[in-house]
Amino acid sequence: MFRSALFQPLPARSRPKAGSERVIHHVLLYLRRHMGSGWFAIAATEFIAFGLKQAYACIFGGLLLAIILLTRFLYPDDAILNRYDFLFVCAVSIQIAMLATRLETLDEAGIILIFHVVGTAMEIFKTSAGSWVYPEESLLRLGGVPLFTGFMYASVGSYLARVSRIFHFAYTGYPPAWTTWLFALAIYVNFFSHHFVTDIRPALFGCLILLYGRTWVHYSVFRFRHRMPLVLGFFLVALFIWFAENIGTFARAWQYPDQADGWSLVSLAKLNAWVLLMIISFVLVSLVNRPRVEEPGDRE
């Protein structure tokens, strides 16, 4: 299912330019020099590169999730700020720091802000419908939704914006842009409408296969280009979001109805929702990082 171009080094234009990316690149060059040139050394270097770049791409969400988990056990009960309000201050601080250090561009931040608003609007509706609750007190909230929650959605957009840039994503078989916009809109509307009319989620997954079933994402790890089916990529990212969701509910950042009497694993059925939410995130990010067609020169 995967095909790795193990003997196709990256063209010069795909090599890192940002300072933080250059640091990773130099670390990997050091490993390359000291690990030898055999197939195992090559594969190990690519694997390490993949992990470092993914960690770099996840920095917003990773920091926010770590703070959520730590404050669950360490945040003082008599603090001036409620825990949820403290999480909001932390999230804003992380965002400012990422812009100040150029870990995120202004264009990316603009799209992430839109996703923040889109996510918060859905949160307000979903909490009013009883889909989940925020069990702790807060001053900074809209309805039943603490303001830090918008940053959880924004962290997904932040990850997608950064990962597409640092892995130099390009595509083959990518659908027309207007079809992806309409598809994302239909998904978003269904998140609300299924509470009142028929849930069209099965039809949406059918559209997902029709639109993206032939699409491959091509990406650079360190020395070589690789590719994988884009639909598989959606499911893999959704799976890791599900892992993060379990950490978040364990830390009482929010709760589902079946967790009211004690924490339990989030249902795997939630993966369906996260895959569809991934589509919305991906389409929003594509407004800044326009999907690029994989050219023959990328593999030379």
C-alpha atoms as a PDB file:
ATOM      1  CA  MET A   1       0.000   0.000   0.000  1.00  0.00           C
ATOM      2  CA  PHE A   2       2.916   2.335   0.668  1.00  0.00           C
ATOM      3  CA  ARG A   3       5.684   2.973  -1.748  1.00  0.00           C
ATOM      4  CA  SER A   4       8.881   4.567  -0.486  1.00  0.00           C
ATOM      5  CA  ALA A   5      11.239   6.168  -2.952  1.00  0.00           C
ATOM      6  CA  LEU A   6      14.267   4.955  -1.031  1.00  0.00           C
ATOM      7  CA  PHE A   7      16.782   5.993  -3.658  1.00  0.00           C
ATOM      8  CA  GLN A   8      15.252   9.320  -4.658  1.00  0.00           C
ATOM      9  CA  PRO A   9      16.963  12.143  -2.742  1.00  0.00           C
ATOM     10  CA  LEU A  10      15.154  15.427  -2.188  1.00  0.00           C
ATOM     11  CA  PRO A  11      15.564  18.289  -4.643  1.00  0.00           C
ATOM     12  CA  ALA A  12      17.294  21.362  -3.230  1.00  0.00           C
ATOM     13  CA  ARG A  13      14.083  23.403  -3.075  1.00  0.00           C
ATOM     14  CA  SER A  14      12.573  20.878  -0.642  1.00  0.00           C
ATOM     15  CA  ARG A  15      15.284  21.324   1.958  1.00  0.00           C
ATOM     16  CA  PRO A  16      14.417  23.237   5.139  1.00  0.00           C
ATOM     17  CA  LYS A  17      14.620  27.022   5.285  1.00  0.00           C
ATOM     18  CA  ALA A  18      13.082  27.942   8.669  1.00  0.00           C
ATOM     19  CA  GLY A  19      15.499  28.105  11.610  1.00  0.00           C
ATOM     20  CA  SER A  20      13.781  25.430  13.696  1.00  0.00           C
ATOM     21  CA  GLU A  21      13.568  23.132  10.682  1.00  0.00           C
ATOM     22  CA  ARG A  22      17.271  23.653   9.984  1.00  0.00           C
ATOM     23  CA  VAL A  23      18.077  22.555  13.540  1.00  0.00           C
ATOM     24  CA  ILE A  24      16.246  19.271  12.918  1.00  0.00           C
ATOM     25  CA  HIS A  25      17.997  18.942   9.569  1.00  0.00           C
ATOM     26  CA  HIS A  26      21.454  19.383  11.132  1.00  0.00           C
ATOM     27  CA  VAL A  27      20.651  16.829  13.842  1.00  0.00           C
ATOM     28  CA  LEU A  28      19.721  14.357  11.135  1.00  0.00           C
ATOM     29  CA  LEU A  29      22.850  15.131   9.127  1.00  0.00           C
ATOM     30  CA  TYR A  30      24.864  14.352  12.251  1.00  0.00           C
ATOM     31  CA  LEU A  31      23.043  11.030  12.637  1.00  0.00           C
ATOM     32  CA  ARG A  32      23.575  10.246   8.981  1.00  0.00           C
ATOM     33  CA  ARG A  33      27.332  10.786   9.284  1.00  0.00           C
ATOM     34  CA  HIS A  34      27.617   8.596  12.372  1.00  0.00           C
ATOM     35  CA  MET A  35      25.150   5.821  11.578  1.00  0.00           C
ATOM     36  CA  GLY A  36      26.753   4.605   8.379  1.00  0.00           C
ATOM     37  CA  SER A  37      25.309   4.151   4.904  1.00  0.00           C
ATOM     38  CA  GLY A  38      23.670   0.716   5.057  1.00  0.00           C
ATOM     39  CA  TRP A  39      19.970   0.164   4.521  1.00  0.00           C
ATOM     40  CA  PHE A  40      19.320  -0.076   8.257  1.00  0.00           C
ATOM     41  CA  ALA A  41      21.056   3.253   8.931  1.00  0.00           C
ATOM     42  CA  ILE A  42      19.088   4.892   6.115  1.00  0.00           C
ATOM     43  CA  ALA A  43      15.783   3.500   7.385  1.00  0.00           C
ATOM     44  CA  ALA A  44      16.591   4.430  11.002  1.00  0.00           C
ATOM     45  CA  THR A  45      17.491   7.991  10.026  1.00  0.00           C
ATOM     46  CA  GLU A  46      14.252   8.380   8.073  1.00  0.00           C
ATOM     47  CA  PHE A  47      12.287   6.989  11.027  1.00  0.00           C
ATOM     48  CA  ILE A  48      13.948   9.387  13.481  1.00  0.00           C
ATOM     49  CA  ALA A  49      13.395  12.266  11.065  1.00  0.00           C
ATOM     50  CA  PHE A  50       9.723  11.383  10.803  1.00  0.00           C
ATOM     51  CA  GLY A  51       9.361  11.364  14.587  1.00  0.00           C
ATOM     52  CA  LEU A  52      11.196  14.667  15.087  1.00  0.00           C
ATOM     53  CA  LYS A  53       9.179  16.438  12.407  1.00  0.00           C
ATOM     54  CA  GLN A  54       5.896  15.068  13.724  1.00  0.00           C
ATOM     55  CA  ALA A  55       6.803  16.246  17.233  1.00  0.00           C
ATOM     56  CA  TYR A  56       7.629  19.675  15.817  1.00  0.00           C
ATOM     57  CA  ALA A  57       4.314  19.796  13.932  1.00  0.00           C
ATOM     58  CA  CYS A  58       2.393  18.770  17.087  1.00  0.00           C
ATOM     59  CA  ILE A  59       4.001  21.377  19.333  1.00  0.00           C
ATOM     60  CA  PHE A  60       0.853  23.486  19.850  1.00  0.00           C
ATOM     61  CA  GLY A  61      -1.445  20.559  20.590  1.00  0.00           C
ATOM     62  CA  GLY A  62       1.231  18.704  22.537  1.00  0.00           C
ATOM     63  CA  LEU A  63       1.934  21.624  24.862  1.00  0.00           C
ATOM     64  CA  LEU A  64      -1.761  22.310  25.414  1.00  0.00           C
ATOM     65  CA  LEU A  65      -2.501  18.653  26.132  1.00  0.00           C
ATOM     66  CA  ALA A  66       0.440  18.445  28.551  1.00  0.00           C
ATOM     67  CA  ILE A  67      -0.827  21.499  30.447  1.00  0.00           C
ATOM     68  CA  ILE A  68      -4.347  20.045  30.569  1.00  0.00           C
ATOM     69  CA  LEU A  69      -2.995  16.815  32.057  1.00  0.00           C
ATOM     70  CA  LEU A  70      -0.629  18.476  34.540  1.00  0.00           C
ATOM     71  CA  THR A  71      -3.232  20.917  35.830  1.00  0.00           C
ATOM     72  CA  ARG A  72      -5.633  18.045  36.459  1.00  0.00           C
ATOM     73  CA  PHE A  73      -3.373  16.928  39.316  1.00  0.00           C
ATOM     74  CA  LEU A  74      -1.234  19.954  40.196  1.00  0.00           C
ATOM     75  CA  TYR A  75      -3.494  22.998  39.842  1.00  0.00           C
ATOM     76  CA  PRO A  76      -4.327  24.402  43.303  1.00  0.00           C
ATOM     77  CA  ASP A  77      -7.978  24.405  44.357  1.00  0.00           C
ATOM     78  CA  ASP A  78      -7.666  27.888  45.884  1.00  0.00           C
ATOM     79  CA  ALA A  79      -6.070  29.540  42.831  1.00  0.00           C
ATOM     80  CA  ILE A  80      -7.333  32.989  41.820  1.00  0.00           C
ATOM     81  CA  LEU A  81      -8.072  31.763  38.301  1.00  0.00           C
ATOM     82  CA  ASN A  82     -10.308  28.806  37.639  1.00  0.00           C
ATOM     83  CA  ARG A  83      -8.444  25.972  35.947  1.00  0.00           C
ATOM     84  CA  TYR A  84     -10.291  26.419  32.643  1.00  0.00           C
ATOM     85  CA  ASP A  85      -9.470  30.147  32.620  1.00  0.00           C
ATOM     86  CA  PHE A  86      -5.819  29.334  33.328  1.00  0.00           C
ATOM     87  CA  LEU A  87      -5.862  26.952  30.348  1.00  0.00           C
ATOM     88  CA  PHE A  88      -7.167  29.807  28.186  1.00  0.00           C
ATOM     89  CA  VAL A  89      -4.313  32.080  29.307  1.00  0.00           C
ATOM     90  CA  CYS A  90      -1.813  29.296  28.560  1.00  0.00           C
ATOM     91  CA  ALA A  91      -3.299  28.666  25.115  1.00  0.00           C
ATOM     92  CA  VAL A  92      -3.133  32.356  24.184  1.00  0.00           C
ATOM     93  CA  SER A  93       0.466  32.515  25.438  1.00  0.00           C
ATOM     94  CA  ILE A  94       1.453  29.493  23.338  1.00  0.00           C
ATOM     95  CA  GLN A  95      -0.143  31.053  20.264  1.00  0.00           C
ATOM     96  CA  ILE A  96       1.664  34.374  20.773  1.00  0.00           C
ATOM     97  CA  ALA A  97       4.973  32.586  21.352  1.00  0.00           C
ATOM     98  CA  MET A  98       4.573  30.556  18.167  1.00  0.00           C
ATOM     99  CA  LEU A  99       3.987  33.695  16.116  1.00  0.00           C
ATOM    100  CA  ALA A 100       6.847  35.552  17.823  1.00  0.00           C
ATOM    101  CA  THR A 101       9.275  32.700  17.141  1.00  0.00           C
ATOM    102  CA  ARG A 102       7.937  32.200  13.596  1.00  0.00           C
ATOM    103  CA  LEU A 103       6.927  28.643  14.278  1.00  0.00           C
ATOM    104  CA  GLU A 104       3.665  29.702  12.679  1.00  0.00           C
ATOM    105  CA  THR A 105       3.078  32.171   9.846  1.00  0.00           C
ATOM    106  CA  LEU A 106       0.465  34.925   9.951  1.00  0.00           C
ATOM    107  CA  ASP A 107      -1.419  33.297   7.068  1.00  0.00           C
ATOM    108  CA  GLU A 108      -1.538  29.998   8.947  1.00  0.00           C
ATOM    109  CA  ALA A 109      -2.650  31.781  12.110  1.00  0.00           C
ATOM    110  CA  GLY A 110      -5.483  33.441  10.173  1.00  0.00           C
ATOM    111  CA  ILE A 111      -6.869  30.120   8.972  1.00  0.00           C
ATOM    112  CA  ILE A 112      -6.399  28.608  12.427  1.00  0.00           C
ATOM    113  CA  LEU A 113      -8.405  31.528  13.859  1.00  0.00           C
ATOM    114  CA  ILE A 114     -11.240  30.680  11.458  1.00  0.00           C
ATOM    115  CA  PHE A 115     -11.093  27.061  12.596  1.00  0.00           C
ATOM    116  CA  HIS A 116     -11.119  28.311  16.193  1.00  0.00           C
ATOM    117  CA  VAL A 117     -14.386  30.159  15.512  1.00  0.00           C
ATOM    118  CA  VAL A 118     -15.871  27.227  13.574  1.00  0.00           C
ATOM    119  CA  GLY A 119     -14.989  24.842  16.409  1.00  0.00           C
ATOM    120  CA  THR A 120     -16.319  27.122  19.151  1.00  0.00           C
ATOM    121  CA  ALA A 121     -19.648  27.547  17.335  1.00  0.00           C
ATOM    122  CA  MET A 122     -20.002  23.774  17.122  1.00  0.00           C
ATOM    123  CA  GLU A 123     -19.043  23.428  20.799  1.00  0.00           C
ATOM    124  CA  ILE A 124     -21.776  25.844  21.872  1.00  0.00           C
ATOM    125  CA  PHE A 125     -24.381  23.860  19.961  1.00  0.00           C
ATOM    126  CA  LYS A 126     -23.135  20.421  20.993  1.00  0.00           C
ATOM    127  CA  THR A 127     -22.977  21.252  24.701  1.00  0.00           C
ATOM    128  CA  SER A 128     -26.483  22.712  24.572  1.00  0.00           C
ATOM    129  CA  ALA A 129     -27.621  19.418  22.997  1.00  0.00           C
ATOM    130  CA  GLY A 130     -25.943  17.428  25.799  1.00  0.00           C
ATOM    131  CA  SER A 131     -23.358  15.703  23.595  1.00  0.00           C
ATOM    132  CA  TRP A 132     -20.675  16.467  26.212  1.00  0.00           C
ATOM    133  CA  VAL A 133     -20.146  18.809  29.147  1.00  0.00           C
ATOM    134  CA  TYR A 134     -17.404  20.871  30.795  1.00  0.00           C
ATOM    135  CA  PRO A 135     -17.706  19.898  34.462  1.00  0.00           C
ATOM    136  CA  GLU A 136     -15.633  22.687  36.048  1.00  0.00           C
ATOM    137  CA  GLU A 137     -16.351  26.370  36.652  1.00  0.00           C
ATOM    138  CA  SER A 138     -14.959  29.198  34.532  1.00  0.00           C
ATOM    139  CA  LEU A 139     -15.490  32.904  33.978  1.00  0.00           C
ATOM    140  CA  LEU A 140     -14.244  33.007  30.390  1.00  0.00           C
ATOM    141  CA  ARG A 141     -16.943  31.080  28.567  1.00  0.00           C
ATOM    142  CA  LEU A 142     -19.656  31.333  25.944  1.00  0.00           C
ATOM    143  CA  GLY A 143     -22.742  29.505  27.149  1.00  0.00           C
ATOM    144  CA  GLY A 144     -21.494  26.213  28.526  1.00  0.00           C
ATOM    145  CA  VAL A 145     -18.206  26.371  26.622  1.00  0.00           C
ATOM    146  CA  PRO A 146     -14.942  27.586  28.229  1.00  0.00           C
ATOM    147  CA  LEU A 147     -12.951  29.716  25.798  1.00  0.00           C
ATOM    148  CA  PHE A 148      -9.873  27.485  25.915  1.00  0.00           C
ATOM    149  CA  THR A 149     -11.768  24.832  23.944  1.00  0.00           C
ATOM    150  CA  GLY A 150     -11.461  26.733  20.672  1.00  0.00           C
ATOM    151  CA  PHE A 151      -7.711  26.280  20.922  1.00  0.00           C
ATOM    152  CA  MET A 152      -8.119  22.504  20.972  1.00  0.00           C
ATOM    153  CA  TYR A 153      -9.676  22.743  17.520  1.00  0.00           C
ATOM    154  CA  ALA A 154      -7.082  25.316  16.491  1.00  0.00           C
ATOM    155  CA  SER A 155      -4.302  22.907  17.504  1.00  0.00           C
ATOM    156  CA  VAL A 156      -5.553  20.447  14.872  1.00  0.00           C
ATOM    157  CA  GLY A 157      -5.442  23.176  12.245  1.00  0.00           C
ATOM    158  CA  SER A 158      -2.003  24.225  13.482  1.00  0.00           C
ATOM    159  CA  TYR A 159      -0.729  20.665  13.114  1.00  0.00           C
ATOM    160  CA  LEU A 160      -2.093  20.277   9.588  1.00  0.00           C
ATOM    161  CA  ALA A 161      -0.714  23.633   8.459  1.00  0.00           C
ATOM    162  CA  ARG A 162       2.752  22.866   9.794  1.00  0.00           C
ATOM    163  CA  VAL A 163       2.940  19.218   8.765  1.00  0.00           C
ATOM    164  CA  SER A 164       2.000  20.028   5.172  1.00  0.00           C
ATOM    165  CA  ARG A 165       4.756  22.648   5.078  1.00  0.00           C
ATOM    166  CA  ILE A 166       7.627  20.775   6.732  1.00  0.00           C
ATOM    167  CA  PHE A 167       6.920  17.492   4.944  1.00  0.00           C
ATOM    168  CA  HIS A 168       6.491  19.331   1.613  1.00  0.00           C
ATOM    169  CA  PHE A 169       3.179  17.702   0.771  1.00  0.00           C
ATOM    170  CA  ALA A 170       2.217  17.283  -2.871  1.00  0.00           C
ATOM    171  CA  TYR A 171      -0.615  15.263  -4.362  1.00  0.00           C
ATOM    172  CA  THR A 172      -1.652  13.115  -7.264  1.00  0.00           C
ATOM    173  CA  GLY A 173      -5.299  12.489  -8.062  1.00  0.00           C
ATOM    174  CA  TYR A 174      -6.428  15.471  -5.971  1.00  0.00           C
ATOM    175  CA  PRO A 175     -10.100  16.439  -6.540  1.00  0.00           C
ATOM    176  CA  PRO A 176     -11.168  19.885  -7.814  1.00  0.00           C
ATOM    177  CA  ALA A 177     -10.958  22.462  -5.030  1.00  0.00           C
ATOM    178  CA  TRP A 178     -14.617  23.494  -5.258  1.00  0.00           C
ATOM    179  CA  THR A 179     -15.767  19.934  -4.590  1.00  0.00           C
ATOM    180  CA  THR A 180     -13.706  19.806  -1.390  1.00  0.00           C
ATOM    181  CA  TRP A 181     -15.213  23.110  -0.204  1.00  0.00           C
ATOM    182  CA  LEU A 182     -18.760  21.843  -0.758  1.00  0.00           C
ATOM    183  CA  PHE A 183     -17.896  18.559   0.942  1.00  0.00           C
ATOM    184  CA  ALA A 184     -16.484  20.320   4.008  1.00  0.00           C
ATOM    185  CA  LEU A 185     -19.591  22.516   4.198  1.00  0.00           C
ATOM    186  CA  ALA A 186     -21.879  19.459   4.023  1.00  0.00           C
ATOM    187  CA  ILE A 187     -19.923  17.801   6.850  1.00  0.00           C
ATOM    188  CA  TYR A 188     -20.166  20.894   9.031  1.00  0.00           C
ATOM    189  CA  VAL A 189     -23.905  21.289   8.439  1.00  0.00           C
ATOM    190  CA  ASN A 190     -24.474  17.608   9.282  1.00  0.00           C
ATOM    191  CA  PHE A 191     -22.762  18.041  12.667  1.00  0.00           C
ATOM    192  CA  PHE A 192     -25.735  20.268  13.539  1.00  0.00           C
ATOM    193  CA  SER A 193     -28.581  18.915  11.426  1.00  0.00           C
ATOM    194  CA  HIS A 194     -28.340  15.266  12.482  1.00  0.00           C
ATOM    195  CA  HIS A 195     -29.903  16.260  15.803  1.00  0.00           C
ATOM    196  CA  PHE A 196     -33.102  17.172  13.935  1.00  0.00           C
ATOM    197  CA  VAL A 197     -33.162  15.169  10.691  1.00  0.00           C
ATOM    198  CA  THR A 198     -31.557  12.019   9.287  1.00  0.00           C
ATOM    199  CA  ASP A 199     -27.827  11.659   9.896  1.00  0.00           C
ATOM    200  CA  ILE A 200     -26.185  11.538   6.459  1.00  0.00           C
ATOM    201  CA  ARG A 201     -22.837  10.374   7.821  1.00  0.00           C
ATOM    202  CA  PRO A 202     -22.829   7.129   5.757  1.00  0.00           C
ATOM    203  CA  ALA A 203     -23.351   9.189   2.601  1.00  0.00           C
ATOM    204  CA  LEU A 204     -20.552  11.539   3.653  1.00  0.00           C
ATOM    205  CA  PHE A 205     -18.145   8.623   3.990  1.00  0.00           C
ATOM    206  CA  GLY A 206     -19.207   7.485   0.539  1.00  0.00           C
ATOM    207  CA  CYS A 207     -18.386  10.962  -0.771  1.00  0.00           C
ATOM    208  CA  LEU A 208     -15.057  10.794   1.049  1.00  0.00           C
ATOM    209  CA  ILE A 209     -14.096   7.688  -0.925  1.00  0.00           C
ATOM    210  CA  LEU A 210     -15.373   9.160  -4.201  1.00  0.00           C
ATOM    211  CA  LEU A 211     -13.485  12.427  -3.757  1.00  0.00           C
ATOM    212  CA  TYR A 212     -10.242  11.253  -2.179  1.00  0.00           C
ATOM    213  CA  GLY A 213     -10.122   7.538  -2.968  1.00  0.00           C
ATOM    214  CA  ARG A 214      -7.627   8.055  -5.812  1.00  0.00           C
ATOM    215  CA  THR A 215      -5.611  10.739  -4.032  1.00  0.00           C
ATOM    216  CA  TRP A 216      -2.051  10.062  -2.905  1.00  0.00           C
ATOM    217  CA  VAL A 217      -0.084  12.408  -0.690  1.00  0.00           C
ATOM    218  CA  HIS A 218       3.648  12.572  -1.460  1.00  0.00           C
ATOM    219  CA  TYR A 219       5.915  13.784   1.326  1.00  0.00           C
ATOM    220  CA  SER A 220       9.566  14.323   2.190  1.00  0.00           C
ATOM    221  CA  VAL A 221      10.951  12.930   5.431  1.00  0.00           C
ATOM    222  CA  PHE A 222      14.709  13.558   5.298  1.00  0.00           C
ATOM    223  CA  ARG A 223      16.540  12.284   2.253  1.00  0.00           C
ATOM    224  CA  PHE A 224      13.741  10.727   0.250  1.00  0.00           C
ATOM    225  CA  ARG A 225      10.187  11.097  -1.035  1.00  0.00           C
ATOM    226  CA  HIS A 226       7.438   8.722   0.100  1.00  0.00           C
ATOM    227  CA  ARG A 227       3.742   8.405  -0.603  1.00  0.00           C
ATOM    228  CA  MET A 228       0.577   7.057   1.004  1.00  0.00           C
ATOM    229  CA  PRO A 229      -3.181   7.167   0.307  1.00  0.00           C
ATOM    230  CA  LEU A 230      -4.617  10.433   1.603  1.00  0.00           C
ATOM    231  CA  VAL A 231      -7.694   8.678   3.039  1.00  0.00           C
ATOM    232  CA  LEU A 232      -5.403   6.493   5.142  1.00  0.00           C
ATOM    233  CA  GLY A 233      -3.669   9.654   6.340  1.00  0.00           C
ATOM    234  CA  PHE A 234      -7.015  11.077   7.469  1.00  0.00           C
ATOM    235  CA  PHE A 235      -7.772   7.945   9.490  1.00  0.00           C
ATOM    236  CA  LEU A 236      -4.319   7.832  11.080  1.00  0.00           C
ATOM    237  CA  VAL A 237      -4.493  11.454  12.240  1.00  0.00           C
ATOM    238  CA  ALA A 238      -8.041  10.862  13.526  1.00  0.00           C
ATOM    239  CA  LEU A 239      -6.745   7.882  15.512  1.00  0.00           C
ATOM    240  CA  PHE A 240      -4.121  10.016  17.240  1.00  0.00           C
ATOM    241  CA  ILE A 241      -6.752  12.665  17.980  1.00  0.00           C
ATOM    242  CA  TRP A 242      -8.794   9.895  19.612  1.00  0.00           C
ATOM    243  CA  PHE A 243      -5.771   9.054  21.787  1.00  0.00           C
ATOM    244  CA  ALA A 244      -5.503  12.739  22.742  1.00  0.00           C
ATOM    245  CA  GLU A 245      -9.234  12.842  23.441  1.00  0.00           C
ATOM    246  CA  ASN A 246      -8.858  10.023  25.946  1.00  0.00           C
ATOM    247  CA  ILE A 247      -6.119  11.974  27.714  1.00  0.00           C
ATOM    248  CA  GLY A 248      -8.303  15.094  27.707  1.00  0.00           C
ATOM    249  CA  THR A 249     -11.334  13.355  29.192  1.00  0.00           C
ATOM    250  CA  PHE A 250      -9.141  11.561  31.729  1.00  0.00           C
ATOM    251  CA  ALA A 251      -7.902  15.004  32.799  1.00  0.00           C
ATOM    252  CA  ARG A 252     -11.518  16.243  33.072  1.00  0.00           C
ATOM    253  CA  ALA A 253     -11.068  18.860  30.380  1.00  0.00           C
ATOM    254  CA  TRP A 254     -14.534  17.690  29.277  1.00  0.00           C
ATOM    255  CA  GLN A 255     -16.766  14.657  29.776  1.00  0.00           C
ATOM    256  CA  TYR A 256     -19.115  12.559  27.689  1.00  0.00           C
ATOM    257  CA  PRO A 257     -22.415  11.427  29.267  1.00  0.00           C
ATOM    258  CA  ASP A 258     -21.144   7.870  29.807  1.00  0.00           C
ATOM    259  CA  GLN A 259     -18.197   9.250  31.818  1.00  0.00           C
ATOM    260  CA  ALA A 260     -20.322  11.046  34.429  1.00  0.00           C
ATOM    261  CA  ASP A 261     -19.858   8.272  37.009  1.00  0.00           C
ATOM    262  CA  GLY A 262     -16.164   7.718  36.280  1.00  0.00           C
ATOM    263  CA  TRP A 263     -13.701   7.884  33.429  1.00  0.00           C
ATOM    264  CA  SER A 264     -13.793   5.275  30.680  1.00  0.00           C
ATOM    265  CA  LEU A 265     -12.281   5.030  27.221  1.00  0.00           C
ATOM    266  CA  VAL A 266     -13.929   7.218  24.612  1.00  0.00           C
ATOM    267  CA  SER A 267     -15.943   5.080  22.221  1.00  0.00           C
ATOM    268  CA  LEU A 268     -14.124   4.121  19.033  1.00  0.00           C
ATOM    269  CA  ALA A 269     -17.269   5.244  17.219  1.00  0.00           C
ATOM    270  CA  LYS A 270     -16.010   8.803  17.808  1.00  0.00           C
ATOM    271  CA  LEU A 271     -13.356   8.099  15.172  1.00  0.00           C
ATOM    272  CA  ASN A 272     -16.050   8.654  12.549  1.00  0.00           C
ATOM    273  CA  ALA A 273     -16.612  12.194  13.772  1.00  0.00           C
ATOM    274  CA  TRP A 274     -12.892  12.914  13.980  1.00  0.00           C
ATOM    275  CA  VAL A 275     -12.271  11.709  10.422  1.00  0.00           C
ATOM    276  CA  LEU A 276     -14.984  14.050   9.159  1.00  0.00           C
ATOM    277  CA  LEU A 277     -13.686  16.903  11.286  1.00  0.00           C
ATOM    278  CA  MET A 278     -10.265  16.221   9.783  1.00  0.00           C
ATOM    279  CA  ILE A 279     -11.738  16.940   6.349  1.00  0.00           C
ATOM    280  CA  ILE A 280     -12.968  20.351   7.501  1.00  0.00           C
ATOM    281  CA  SER A 281      -9.554  21.128   9.002  1.00  0.00           C
ATOM    282  CA  PHE A 282      -7.725  19.913   5.911  1.00  0.00           C
ATOM    283  CA  VAL A 283      -9.876  21.985   3.549  1.00  0.00           C
ATOM    284  CA  LEU A 284      -9.476  25.130   5.670  1.00  0.00           C
ATOM    285  CA  VAL A 285      -5.699  24.703   5.755  1.00  0.00           C
ATOM    286  CA  SER A 286      -5.688  24.157   1.978  1.00  0.00           C
ATOM    287  CA  LEU A 287      -6.833  27.770   1.616  1.00  0.00           C
ATOM    288  CA  VAL A 288      -3.343  28.821   2.773  1.00  0.00           C
ATOM    289  CA  ASN A 289      -1.178  25.844   1.817  1.00  0.00           C
ATOM    290  CA  ARG A 290      -2.697  25.295  -1.617  1.00  0.00           C
ATOM    291  CA  PRO A 291      -2.489  21.614  -2.596  1.00  0.00           C
ATOM    292  CA  ARG A 292       0.498  21.230  -4.920  1.00  0.00           C
ATOM    293  CA  VAL A 293       0.615  18.648  -7.676  1.00  0.00           C
ATOM    294  CA  GLU A 294       3.493  16.169  -7.401  1.00  0.00           C
ATOM    295  CA  GLU A 295       5.802  16.864 -10.339  1.00  0.00           C
ATOM    296  CA  PRO A 296       8.309  14.454 -11.913  1.00  0.00           C
ATOM    297  CA  GLY A 297      11.109  16.766 -10.744  1.00  0.00           C
ATOM    298  CA  ASP A 298      10.132  16.121  -7.116  1.00  0.00           C
ATOM    299  CA  ARG A 299      11.353  12.543  -7.521  1.00  0.00           C
ATOM    300  CA  GLU A 300      14.556  13.251  -9.360  1.00  0.00           C
END
